[in-house]
Amino acid sequence: MYDLFDLDGRGISIRGYHFSCEDPKAVVVLVHGIGEYCGRYQRVADHFKEDGIAMVGIDLRGHGRTEGERGHCAPRAEVLKDIDRLIEYAGELYPGVPIVLYGHSMGGNIGLDYRARGAKNDVPAKYLISAPWIRLVKPVKGVLYQTVKLMSKIAPKKTINSDCKEEDLGNLLFVRPYVEDSLVHPYISFLTAFEGFSIGNAIEEGENEDNGRAHDKPLLLMHGTDDKICDVNGSRNFEKVHKSVLEKEGNADKFEFVEWQGYYHEIHNGGPDGQDGEEVIKKMIDFILA
């Protein structure tokens, strides 16, 4: 299990989770997806611990046990500062132990954004990104996009239903409980949505602000080919654009992209055809410890 801790979110209390490990070889900093919370990664943490890997994470603003309007994980500048503090906390818990930032779904969007422009983006030794929100399977374009943009300015905390179905996530044996979990919610605020869309687009096109300090940090990007929420083509395009940048810098060997055939969104929770996700978690562990 995990121990809970609190971080100062400059006006709100942010609840954190410590999945401890004695004398770890690495400590993973977790950034979860929209509507969920860190406790859903207990199974992954258990596997990590078996191989000598600790993990810490926070329930993002408006999620899980953290304060805030449900689904309002914004503004992004404040969220990136929350990740700063989480990285600092991981270093305080395990001095001198390599830190790996692990982001899934919306957390993958945040993780790639942090890798590009985070204040402490040169601190993590590696970045592990899973099924990132770069492009959605159901695109938001034209009038709908402009509406979200407008609402993000006049009613940024107002929420809409993210319409995420548990059967679209992975093997229900590992996904559940989801709908029945009181700490899971279906909401996303207009500002959170607009920032996710705009930053995801910028990441895909290689136009996101990037200070270049983390380009020499190994990056493992993984995505299920049949993801029904975050379009795998977004990750494919990011690989092409970003790898060309890394090639010019001599860092192309630092980036690996893995597609999991037939898997849905939560690749760590297996696939729709009975896969258990063990291979995915093993790949994570091998990358972390390599």
C-alpha atoms as a PDB file:
ATOM      1  CA  MET A   1       0.000   0.000   0.000  1.00  0.00           C
ATOM      2  CA  TYR A   2       0.955   3.647   0.202  1.00  0.00           C
ATOM      3  CA  ASP A   3       1.458   6.442   2.703  1.00  0.00           C
ATOM      4  CA  LEU A   4      -0.201   9.808   2.154  1.00  0.00           C
ATOM      5  CA  PHE A   5       1.525  13.183   2.383  1.00  0.00           C
ATOM      6  CA  ASP A   6       0.633  16.800   1.619  1.00  0.00           C
ATOM      7  CA  LEU A   7       2.333  19.389  -0.564  1.00  0.00           C
ATOM      8  CA  ASP A   8       1.639  23.129  -0.609  1.00  0.00           C
ATOM      9  CA  GLY A   9      -0.103  24.049  -3.834  1.00  0.00           C
ATOM     10  CA  ARG A  10       0.004  27.789  -3.152  1.00  0.00           C
ATOM     11  CA  GLY A  11      -3.553  28.152  -1.953  1.00  0.00           C
ATOM     12  CA  ILE A  12      -4.715  24.532  -2.080  1.00  0.00           C
ATOM     13  CA  SER A  13      -3.581  21.366  -0.342  1.00  0.00           C
ATOM     14  CA  ILE A  14      -2.221  18.746  -2.711  1.00  0.00           C
ATOM     15  CA  ARG A  15      -2.369  15.148  -1.522  1.00  0.00           C
ATOM     16  CA  GLY A  16       0.519  12.885  -2.399  1.00  0.00           C
ATOM     17  CA  TYR A  17       1.122   9.131  -2.356  1.00  0.00           C
ATOM     18  CA  HIS A  18       4.335   7.386  -1.357  1.00  0.00           C
ATOM     19  CA  PHE A  19       4.718   3.801  -2.560  1.00  0.00           C
ATOM     20  CA  SER A  20       7.826   3.063  -0.512  1.00  0.00           C
ATOM     21  CA  CYS A  21      10.734   0.763  -1.228  1.00  0.00           C
ATOM     22  CA  GLU A  22      13.764   0.079   0.933  1.00  0.00           C
ATOM     23  CA  ASP A  23      17.049   1.140  -0.687  1.00  0.00           C
ATOM     24  CA  PRO A  24      15.488   1.719  -4.133  1.00  0.00           C
ATOM     25  CA  LYS A  25      17.486   1.742  -7.336  1.00  0.00           C
ATOM     26  CA  ALA A  26      15.199   4.463  -8.722  1.00  0.00           C
ATOM     27  CA  VAL A  27      12.189   6.531  -7.688  1.00  0.00           C
ATOM     28  CA  VAL A  28       9.349   7.152 -10.129  1.00  0.00           C
ATOM     29  CA  VAL A  29       7.430  10.438 -10.060  1.00  0.00           C
ATOM     30  CA  LEU A  30       3.875   9.710 -11.250  1.00  0.00           C
ATOM     31  CA  VAL A  31       1.544  12.085 -13.115  1.00  0.00           C
ATOM     32  CA  HIS A  32      -1.869  10.455 -13.606  1.00  0.00           C
ATOM     33  CA  GLY A  33      -4.610  10.979 -16.193  1.00  0.00           C
ATOM     34  CA  ILE A  34      -7.848  12.951 -16.335  1.00  0.00           C
ATOM     35  CA  GLY A  35     -10.538  11.941 -13.860  1.00  0.00           C
ATOM     36  CA  GLU A  36      -8.413   9.405 -11.980  1.00  0.00           C
ATOM     37  CA  TYR A  37      -5.953   9.459  -9.074  1.00  0.00           C
ATOM     38  CA  CYS A  38      -2.666   7.924  -7.930  1.00  0.00           C
ATOM     39  CA  GLY A  39      -4.240   5.087  -5.965  1.00  0.00           C
ATOM     40  CA  ARG A  40      -5.211   3.415  -9.241  1.00  0.00           C
ATOM     41  CA  TYR A  41      -1.514   2.665  -9.834  1.00  0.00           C
ATOM     42  CA  GLN A  42      -1.100   0.354  -6.834  1.00  0.00           C
ATOM     43  CA  ARG A  43      -0.654  -2.672  -9.100  1.00  0.00           C
ATOM     44  CA  VAL A  44       2.101  -0.943 -11.083  1.00  0.00           C
ATOM     45  CA  ALA A  45       3.745   0.191  -7.832  1.00  0.00           C
ATOM     46  CA  ASP A  46       3.698  -3.379  -6.498  1.00  0.00           C
ATOM     47  CA  HIS A  47       5.603  -4.586  -9.563  1.00  0.00           C
ATOM     48  CA  PHE A  48       8.013  -1.685  -9.273  1.00  0.00           C
ATOM     49  CA  LYS A  49       8.715  -2.506  -5.631  1.00  0.00           C
ATOM     50  CA  GLU A  50       9.542  -6.124  -6.482  1.00  0.00           C
ATOM     51  CA  ASP A  51      12.353  -4.791  -8.670  1.00  0.00           C
ATOM     52  CA  GLY A  52      13.592  -2.181  -6.222  1.00  0.00           C
ATOM     53  CA  ILE A  53      11.744   0.885  -7.536  1.00  0.00           C
ATOM     54  CA  ALA A  54       9.896   3.351  -5.288  1.00  0.00           C
ATOM     55  CA  MET A  55       7.145   5.656  -6.541  1.00  0.00           C
ATOM     56  CA  VAL A  56       5.642   8.958  -5.431  1.00  0.00           C
ATOM     57  CA  GLY A  57       2.786  10.852  -7.027  1.00  0.00           C
ATOM     58  CA  ILE A  58       0.212  13.539  -6.422  1.00  0.00           C
ATOM     59  CA  ASP A  59      -3.484  13.701  -7.108  1.00  0.00           C
ATOM     60  CA  LEU A  60      -3.542  16.584  -9.557  1.00  0.00           C
ATOM     61  CA  ARG A  61      -5.587  19.681  -8.841  1.00  0.00           C
ATOM     62  CA  GLY A  62      -9.290  18.873  -8.922  1.00  0.00           C
ATOM     63  CA  HIS A  63      -8.635  15.132  -8.689  1.00  0.00           C
ATOM     64  CA  GLY A  64      -8.746  12.380  -6.082  1.00  0.00           C
ATOM     65  CA  ARG A  65      -7.903  13.587  -2.587  1.00  0.00           C
ATOM     66  CA  THR A  66      -6.521  16.959  -3.709  1.00  0.00           C
ATOM     67  CA  GLU A  67      -8.549  20.124  -3.295  1.00  0.00           C
ATOM     68  CA  GLY A  68     -10.067  22.113  -6.134  1.00  0.00           C
ATOM     69  CA  GLU A  69     -13.061  22.090  -8.453  1.00  0.00           C
ATOM     70  CA  ARG A  70     -13.460  18.526  -9.741  1.00  0.00           C
ATOM     71  CA  GLY A  71     -11.806  18.295 -13.160  1.00  0.00           C
ATOM     72  CA  HIS A  72     -10.109  21.685 -13.006  1.00  0.00           C
ATOM     73  CA  CYS A  73      -6.432  20.805 -13.433  1.00  0.00           C
ATOM     74  CA  ALA A  74      -5.316  24.272 -14.438  1.00  0.00           C
ATOM     75  CA  PRO A  75      -3.760  26.694 -15.104  1.00  0.00           C
ATOM     76  CA  ARG A  76      -0.934  24.662 -16.601  1.00  0.00           C
ATOM     77  CA  ALA A  77       1.731  27.005 -15.210  1.00  0.00           C
ATOM     78  CA  GLU A  78       0.612  26.099 -11.681  1.00  0.00           C
ATOM     79  CA  VAL A  79       0.426  22.381 -12.518  1.00  0.00           C
ATOM     80  CA  LEU A  80       4.035  22.473 -13.740  1.00  0.00           C
ATOM     81  CA  LYS A  81       5.031  24.096 -10.435  1.00  0.00           C
ATOM     82  CA  ASP A  82       3.267  21.244  -8.627  1.00  0.00           C
ATOM     83  CA  ILE A  83       5.501  18.831 -10.535  1.00  0.00           C
ATOM     84  CA  ASP A  84       8.523  20.911  -9.490  1.00  0.00           C
ATOM     85  CA  ARG A  85       7.595  20.379  -5.853  1.00  0.00           C
ATOM     86  CA  LEU A  86       6.914  16.666  -6.356  1.00  0.00           C
ATOM     87  CA  ILE A  87      10.347  16.190  -7.896  1.00  0.00           C
ATOM     88  CA  GLU A  88      11.879  18.056  -4.956  1.00  0.00           C
ATOM     89  CA  TYR A  89       9.964  15.834  -2.535  1.00  0.00           C
ATOM     90  CA  ALA A  90      11.156  12.660  -4.277  1.00  0.00           C
ATOM     91  CA  GLY A  91      14.728  13.912  -3.940  1.00  0.00           C
ATOM     92  CA  GLU A  92      14.204  14.626  -0.240  1.00  0.00           C
ATOM     93  CA  LEU A  93      12.807  11.135   0.354  1.00  0.00           C
ATOM     94  CA  TYR A  94      15.553   9.359  -1.588  1.00  0.00           C
ATOM     95  CA  PRO A  95      18.676  11.541  -1.814  1.00  0.00           C
ATOM     96  CA  GLY A  96      20.952  10.622  -4.683  1.00  0.00           C
ATOM     97  CA  VAL A  97      18.516   8.094  -6.172  1.00  0.00           C
ATOM     98  CA  PRO A  98      17.736   8.557  -9.899  1.00  0.00           C
ATOM     99  CA  ILE A  99      14.295  10.078 -10.569  1.00  0.00           C
ATOM    100  CA  VAL A 100      12.114   8.963 -13.484  1.00  0.00           C
ATOM    101  CA  LEU A 101       9.051  11.007 -14.474  1.00  0.00           C
ATOM    102  CA  TYR A 102       6.118   8.782 -15.531  1.00  0.00           C
ATOM    103  CA  GLY A 103       3.068  10.400 -17.122  1.00  0.00           C
ATOM    104  CA  HIS A 104      -0.050   8.662 -18.429  1.00  0.00           C
ATOM    105  CA  SER A 105      -2.802  10.112 -20.666  1.00  0.00           C
ATOM    106  CA  MET A 106      -3.355  13.730 -19.582  1.00  0.00           C
ATOM    107  CA  GLY A 107      -0.356  13.045 -17.359  1.00  0.00           C
ATOM    108  CA  GLY A 108       1.513  12.168 -20.559  1.00  0.00           C
ATOM    109  CA  ASN A 109       0.580  15.568 -21.991  1.00  0.00           C
ATOM    110  CA  ILE A 110       1.800  17.194 -18.777  1.00  0.00           C
ATOM    111  CA  GLY A 111       4.906  14.985 -18.723  1.00  0.00           C
ATOM    112  CA  LEU A 112       5.950  15.891 -22.275  1.00  0.00           C
ATOM    113  CA  ASP A 113       5.203  19.535 -21.548  1.00  0.00           C
ATOM    114  CA  TYR A 114       7.315  19.346 -18.402  1.00  0.00           C
ATOM    115  CA  ARG A 115      10.157  17.619 -20.254  1.00  0.00           C
ATOM    116  CA  ALA A 116      10.132  20.521 -22.710  1.00  0.00           C
ATOM    117  CA  ARG A 117       9.854  23.531 -20.402  1.00  0.00           C
ATOM    118  CA  GLY A 118       9.615  22.477 -16.752  1.00  0.00           C
ATOM    119  CA  ALA A 119      11.751  24.458 -14.319  1.00  0.00           C
ATOM    120  CA  LYS A 120      13.438  21.264 -13.101  1.00  0.00           C
ATOM    121  CA  ASN A 121      13.194  19.251 -16.309  1.00  0.00           C
ATOM    122  CA  ASP A 122      16.903  18.439 -16.181  1.00  0.00           C
ATOM    123  CA  VAL A 123      16.517  16.696 -12.800  1.00  0.00           C
ATOM    124  CA  PRO A 124      14.726  13.479 -13.867  1.00  0.00           C
ATOM    125  CA  ALA A 125      17.211  10.967 -15.240  1.00  0.00           C
ATOM    126  CA  LYS A 126      14.577   9.574 -17.622  1.00  0.00           C
ATOM    127  CA  TYR A 127      11.042  10.174 -18.885  1.00  0.00           C
ATOM    128  CA  LEU A 128       8.413   7.451 -19.292  1.00  0.00           C
ATOM    129  CA  ILE A 129       5.279   8.519 -21.185  1.00  0.00           C
ATOM    130  CA  SER A 130       2.233   6.297 -21.655  1.00  0.00           C
ATOM    131  CA  ALA A 131      -0.708   6.870 -24.062  1.00  0.00           C
ATOM    132  CA  PRO A 132      -0.274  10.657 -23.969  1.00  0.00           C
ATOM    133  CA  TRP A 133      -2.992  13.142 -24.771  1.00  0.00           C
ATOM    134  CA  ILE A 134      -1.407  14.619 -27.878  1.00  0.00           C
ATOM    135  CA  ARG A 135      -4.351  14.105 -30.186  1.00  0.00           C
ATOM    136  CA  LEU A 136      -7.777  12.752 -29.210  1.00  0.00           C
ATOM    137  CA  VAL A 137      -9.584  10.011 -31.128  1.00  0.00           C
ATOM    138  CA  LYS A 138     -12.640  12.299 -31.151  1.00  0.00           C
ATOM    139  CA  PRO A 139     -11.090  15.518 -32.519  1.00  0.00           C
ATOM    140  CA  VAL A 140     -12.131  18.930 -31.244  1.00  0.00           C
ATOM    141  CA  LYS A 141     -11.972  21.322 -34.178  1.00  0.00           C
ATOM    142  CA  GLY A 142     -13.648  24.296 -35.783  1.00  0.00           C
ATOM    143  CA  VAL A 143     -16.595  25.827 -33.965  1.00  0.00           C
ATOM    144  CA  LEU A 144     -16.319  23.369 -31.059  1.00  0.00           C
ATOM    145  CA  TYR A 145     -12.668  24.262 -30.474  1.00  0.00           C
ATOM    146  CA  GLN A 146     -13.451  27.975 -30.611  1.00  0.00           C
ATOM    147  CA  THR A 147     -16.281  27.457 -28.128  1.00  0.00           C
ATOM    148  CA  VAL A 148     -13.981  25.663 -25.690  1.00  0.00           C
ATOM    149  CA  LYS A 149     -11.415  28.452 -26.131  1.00  0.00           C
ATOM    150  CA  LEU A 150     -14.018  31.133 -25.414  1.00  0.00           C
ATOM    151  CA  MET A 151     -15.422  29.298 -22.392  1.00  0.00           C
ATOM    152  CA  SER A 152     -11.911  28.805 -21.021  1.00  0.00           C
ATOM    153  CA  LYS A 153     -11.721  32.594 -20.711  1.00  0.00           C
ATOM    154  CA  ILE A 154     -15.194  33.453 -19.432  1.00  0.00           C
ATOM    155  CA  ALA A 155     -15.876  30.356 -17.299  1.00  0.00           C
ATOM    156  CA  PRO A 156     -12.532  28.523 -16.901  1.00  0.00           C
ATOM    157  CA  LYS A 157     -13.642  26.315 -13.987  1.00  0.00           C
ATOM    158  CA  LYS A 158     -16.954  25.263 -15.510  1.00  0.00           C
ATOM    159  CA  THR A 159     -16.845  21.560 -16.315  1.00  0.00           C
ATOM    160  CA  ILE A 160     -18.145  19.219 -18.967  1.00  0.00           C
ATOM    161  CA  ASN A 161     -18.344  15.423 -18.985  1.00  0.00           C
ATOM    162  CA  SER A 162     -15.223  13.779 -20.395  1.00  0.00           C
ATOM    163  CA  ASP A 163     -17.353  10.784 -21.444  1.00  0.00           C
ATOM    164  CA  CYS A 164     -14.711   8.165 -20.626  1.00  0.00           C
ATOM    165  CA  LYS A 165     -16.057   4.604 -20.583  1.00  0.00           C
ATOM    166  CA  GLU A 166     -14.305   1.968 -18.495  1.00  0.00           C
ATOM    167  CA  GLU A 167     -14.660  -0.634 -21.257  1.00  0.00           C
ATOM    168  CA  ASP A 168     -12.489   1.605 -23.459  1.00  0.00           C
ATOM    169  CA  LEU A 169      -9.589   1.528 -20.996  1.00  0.00           C
ATOM    170  CA  GLY A 170      -8.249  -2.027 -20.978  1.00  0.00           C
ATOM    171  CA  ASN A 171      -8.799  -5.394 -19.325  1.00  0.00           C
ATOM    172  CA  LEU A 172     -11.767  -4.786 -17.016  1.00  0.00           C
ATOM    173  CA  LEU A 173     -10.300  -7.239 -14.507  1.00  0.00           C
ATOM    174  CA  PHE A 174      -7.610  -4.642 -13.784  1.00  0.00           C
ATOM    175  CA  VAL A 175      -9.454  -1.453 -14.753  1.00  0.00           C
ATOM    176  CA  ARG A 176     -12.230  -1.975 -12.193  1.00  0.00           C
ATOM    177  CA  PRO A 177     -13.342  -0.551  -9.907  1.00  0.00           C
ATOM    178  CA  TYR A 178     -13.585   2.593 -12.016  1.00  0.00           C
ATOM    179  CA  VAL A 179     -17.126   3.935 -12.337  1.00  0.00           C
ATOM    180  CA  GLU A 180     -17.880   2.762  -8.784  1.00  0.00           C
ATOM    181  CA  ASP A 181     -14.737   4.347  -7.356  1.00  0.00           C
ATOM    182  CA  SER A 182     -15.719   7.479  -5.426  1.00  0.00           C
ATOM    183  CA  LEU A 183     -12.347   9.102  -6.175  1.00  0.00           C
ATOM    184  CA  VAL A 184     -12.826   8.790  -9.946  1.00  0.00           C
ATOM    185  CA  HIS A 185     -14.897  11.453 -11.723  1.00  0.00           C
ATOM    186  CA  PRO A 186     -15.923  12.191 -15.347  1.00  0.00           C
ATOM    187  CA  TYR A 187     -15.278  15.949 -15.354  1.00  0.00           C
ATOM    188  CA  ILE A 188     -12.898  18.292 -17.131  1.00  0.00           C
ATOM    189  CA  SER A 189     -12.978  22.076 -16.937  1.00  0.00           C
ATOM    190  CA  PHE A 190     -12.976  24.270 -20.014  1.00  0.00           C
ATOM    191  CA  LEU A 191      -9.535  25.701 -19.197  1.00  0.00           C
ATOM    192  CA  THR A 192      -8.080  22.235 -18.571  1.00  0.00           C
ATOM    193  CA  ALA A 193      -9.525  21.041 -21.878  1.00  0.00           C
ATOM    194  CA  PHE A 194      -8.314  24.066 -23.854  1.00  0.00           C
ATOM    195  CA  GLU A 195      -4.799  23.832 -22.434  1.00  0.00           C
ATOM    196  CA  GLY A 196      -4.738  20.093 -23.139  1.00  0.00           C
ATOM    197  CA  PHE A 197      -5.842  20.634 -26.740  1.00  0.00           C
ATOM    198  CA  SER A 198      -3.510  23.544 -27.479  1.00  0.00           C
ATOM    199  CA  ILE A 199      -0.445  22.065 -25.763  1.00  0.00           C
ATOM    200  CA  GLY A 200      -1.111  18.663 -27.344  1.00  0.00           C
ATOM    201  CA  ASN A 201      -1.259  20.279 -30.790  1.00  0.00           C
ATOM    202  CA  ALA A 202       1.972  22.154 -30.130  1.00  0.00           C
ATOM    203  CA  ILE A 203       3.696  18.981 -28.918  1.00  0.00           C
ATOM    204  CA  GLU A 204       2.613  17.073 -32.033  1.00  0.00           C
ATOM    205  CA  GLU A 205       3.829  19.823 -34.372  1.00  0.00           C
ATOM    206  CA  GLY A 206       7.076  20.419 -32.487  1.00  0.00           C
ATOM    207  CA  GLU A 207       5.998  23.962 -31.653  1.00  0.00           C
ATOM    208  CA  ASN A 208       5.804  23.693 -27.863  1.00  0.00           C
ATOM    209  CA  GLU A 209       8.131  25.923 -25.854  1.00  0.00           C
ATOM    210  CA  ASP A 210      11.283  23.854 -25.289  1.00  0.00           C
ATOM    211  CA  ASN A 211      14.400  24.881 -23.373  1.00  0.00           C
ATOM    212  CA  GLY A 212      16.294  21.821 -24.673  1.00  0.00           C
ATOM    213  CA  ARG A 213      17.695  20.893 -21.245  1.00  0.00           C
ATOM    214  CA  ALA A 214      16.129  17.409 -21.237  1.00  0.00           C
ATOM    215  CA  HIS A 215      16.943  16.334 -24.789  1.00  0.00           C
ATOM    216  CA  ASP A 216      19.766  14.103 -23.551  1.00  0.00           C
ATOM    217  CA  LYS A 217      17.457  12.347 -21.070  1.00  0.00           C
ATOM    218  CA  PRO A 218      16.223   8.922 -22.262  1.00  0.00           C
ATOM    219  CA  LEU A 219      12.549   8.986 -23.262  1.00  0.00           C
ATOM    220  CA  LEU A 220      10.328   5.916 -23.614  1.00  0.00           C
ATOM    221  CA  LEU A 221       6.988   6.661 -25.269  1.00  0.00           C
ATOM    222  CA  MET A 222       4.406   3.853 -25.403  1.00  0.00           C
ATOM    223  CA  HIS A 223       0.898   3.709 -26.866  1.00  0.00           C
ATOM    224  CA  GLY A 224      -1.766   1.097 -27.597  1.00  0.00           C
ATOM    225  CA  THR A 225      -2.647   0.822 -31.286  1.00  0.00           C
ATOM    226  CA  ASP A 226      -6.374   0.538 -30.539  1.00  0.00           C
ATOM    227  CA  ASP A 227      -6.547   3.346 -27.978  1.00  0.00           C
ATOM    228  CA  LYS A 228     -10.109   4.716 -28.104  1.00  0.00           C
ATOM    229  CA  ILE A 229      -9.338   7.919 -26.203  1.00  0.00           C
ATOM    230  CA  CYS A 230      -5.907   9.281 -27.168  1.00  0.00           C
ATOM    231  CA  ASP A 231      -5.083   8.763 -30.839  1.00  0.00           C
ATOM    232  CA  VAL A 232      -1.923   6.727 -31.397  1.00  0.00           C
ATOM    233  CA  ASN A 233      -1.263   8.830 -34.507  1.00  0.00           C
ATOM    234  CA  GLY A 234      -0.507  11.779 -32.259  1.00  0.00           C
ATOM    235  CA  SER A 235       2.329   9.810 -30.694  1.00  0.00           C
ATOM    236  CA  ARG A 236       3.476   8.631 -34.117  1.00  0.00           C
ATOM    237  CA  ASN A 237       3.688  12.190 -35.404  1.00  0.00           C
ATOM    238  CA  PHE A 238       5.469  13.374 -32.267  1.00  0.00           C
ATOM    239  CA  GLU A 239       8.049  10.623 -32.768  1.00  0.00           C
ATOM    240  CA  LYS A 240       8.765  11.782 -36.333  1.00  0.00           C
ATOM    241  CA  VAL A 241       9.014  15.471 -35.473  1.00  0.00           C
ATOM    242  CA  HIS A 242      10.901  15.165 -32.196  1.00  0.00           C
ATOM    243  CA  LYS A 243      13.279  12.475 -33.371  1.00  0.00           C
ATOM    244  CA  SER A 244      14.401  14.706 -36.232  1.00  0.00           C
ATOM    245  CA  VAL A 245      15.279  17.370 -33.648  1.00  0.00           C
ATOM    246  CA  LEU A 246      17.202  14.855 -31.547  1.00  0.00           C
ATOM    247  CA  GLU A 247      19.049  13.522 -34.601  1.00  0.00           C
ATOM    248  CA  LYS A 248      20.447  16.979 -35.309  1.00  0.00           C
ATOM    249  CA  GLU A 249      21.692  17.114 -31.708  1.00  0.00           C
ATOM    250  CA  GLY A 250      23.096  13.588 -31.719  1.00  0.00           C
ATOM    251  CA  ASN A 251      20.498  12.386 -29.184  1.00  0.00           C
ATOM    252  CA  ALA A 252      18.290  10.205 -31.402  1.00  0.00           C
ATOM    253  CA  ASP A 253      19.337   7.089 -29.492  1.00  0.00           C
ATOM    254  CA  LYS A 254      17.764   8.559 -26.351  1.00  0.00           C
ATOM    255  CA  PHE A 255      14.218   8.145 -27.718  1.00  0.00           C
ATOM    256  CA  GLU A 256      12.291   4.883 -28.052  1.00  0.00           C
ATOM    257  CA  PHE A 257       8.685   4.544 -29.242  1.00  0.00           C
ATOM    258  CA  VAL A 258       6.806   1.290 -28.591  1.00  0.00           C
ATOM    259  CA  GLU A 259       3.341   0.420 -29.912  1.00  0.00           C
ATOM    260  CA  TRP A 260       1.311  -2.277 -28.152  1.00  0.00           C
ATOM    261  CA  GLN A 261      -0.772  -4.069 -30.756  1.00  0.00           C
ATOM    262  CA  GLY A 262      -4.487  -4.296 -29.942  1.00  0.00           C
ATOM    263  CA  TYR A 263      -4.169  -2.552 -26.581  1.00  0.00           C
ATOM    264  CA  TYR A 264      -6.553   0.188 -25.524  1.00  0.00           C
ATOM    265  CA  HIS A 265      -5.788   3.285 -23.423  1.00  0.00           C
ATOM    266  CA  GLU A 266      -4.492   1.957 -20.103  1.00  0.00           C
ATOM    267  CA  ILE A 267      -1.778  -0.278 -21.507  1.00  0.00           C
ATOM    268  CA  HIS A 268      -0.530  -1.048 -17.972  1.00  0.00           C
ATOM    269  CA  ASN A 269      -3.952  -2.563 -17.251  1.00  0.00           C
ATOM    270  CA  GLY A 270      -3.860  -5.066 -20.091  1.00  0.00           C
ATOM    271  CA  GLY A 271      -5.871  -5.350 -23.281  1.00  0.00           C
ATOM    272  CA  PRO A 272      -9.418  -6.135 -24.352  1.00  0.00           C
ATOM    273  CA  ASP A 273      -8.522  -9.675 -25.391  1.00  0.00           C
ATOM    274  CA  GLY A 274      -7.467 -10.769 -21.926  1.00  0.00           C
ATOM    275  CA  GLN A 275      -3.942  -9.360 -21.902  1.00  0.00           C
ATOM    276  CA  ASP A 276      -2.806  -8.594 -18.359  1.00  0.00           C
ATOM    277  CA  GLY A 277      -0.362  -5.771 -19.065  1.00  0.00           C
ATOM    278  CA  GLU A 278       2.538  -7.642 -17.462  1.00  0.00           C
ATOM    279  CA  GLU A 279       4.691  -7.189 -20.576  1.00  0.00           C
ATOM    280  CA  VAL A 280       4.026  -3.453 -20.533  1.00  0.00           C
ATOM    281  CA  ILE A 281       4.997  -3.108 -16.881  1.00  0.00           C
ATOM    282  CA  LYS A 282       8.115  -5.228 -17.467  1.00  0.00           C
ATOM    283  CA  LYS A 283       9.097  -2.914 -20.323  1.00  0.00           C
ATOM    284  CA  MET A 284       8.708   0.025 -17.940  1.00  0.00           C
ATOM    285  CA  ILE A 285      10.906  -1.647 -15.329  1.00  0.00           C
ATOM    286  CA  ASP A 286      13.578  -2.599 -17.859  1.00  0.00           C
ATOM    287  CA  PHE A 287      13.673   1.003 -19.091  1.00  0.00           C
ATOM    288  CA  ILE A 288      13.811   2.464 -15.586  1.00  0.00           C
ATOM    289  CA  LEU A 289      16.657   0.185 -14.506  1.00  0.00           C
ATOM    290  CA  ALA A 290      18.616   0.079 -17.774  1.00  0.00           C
END
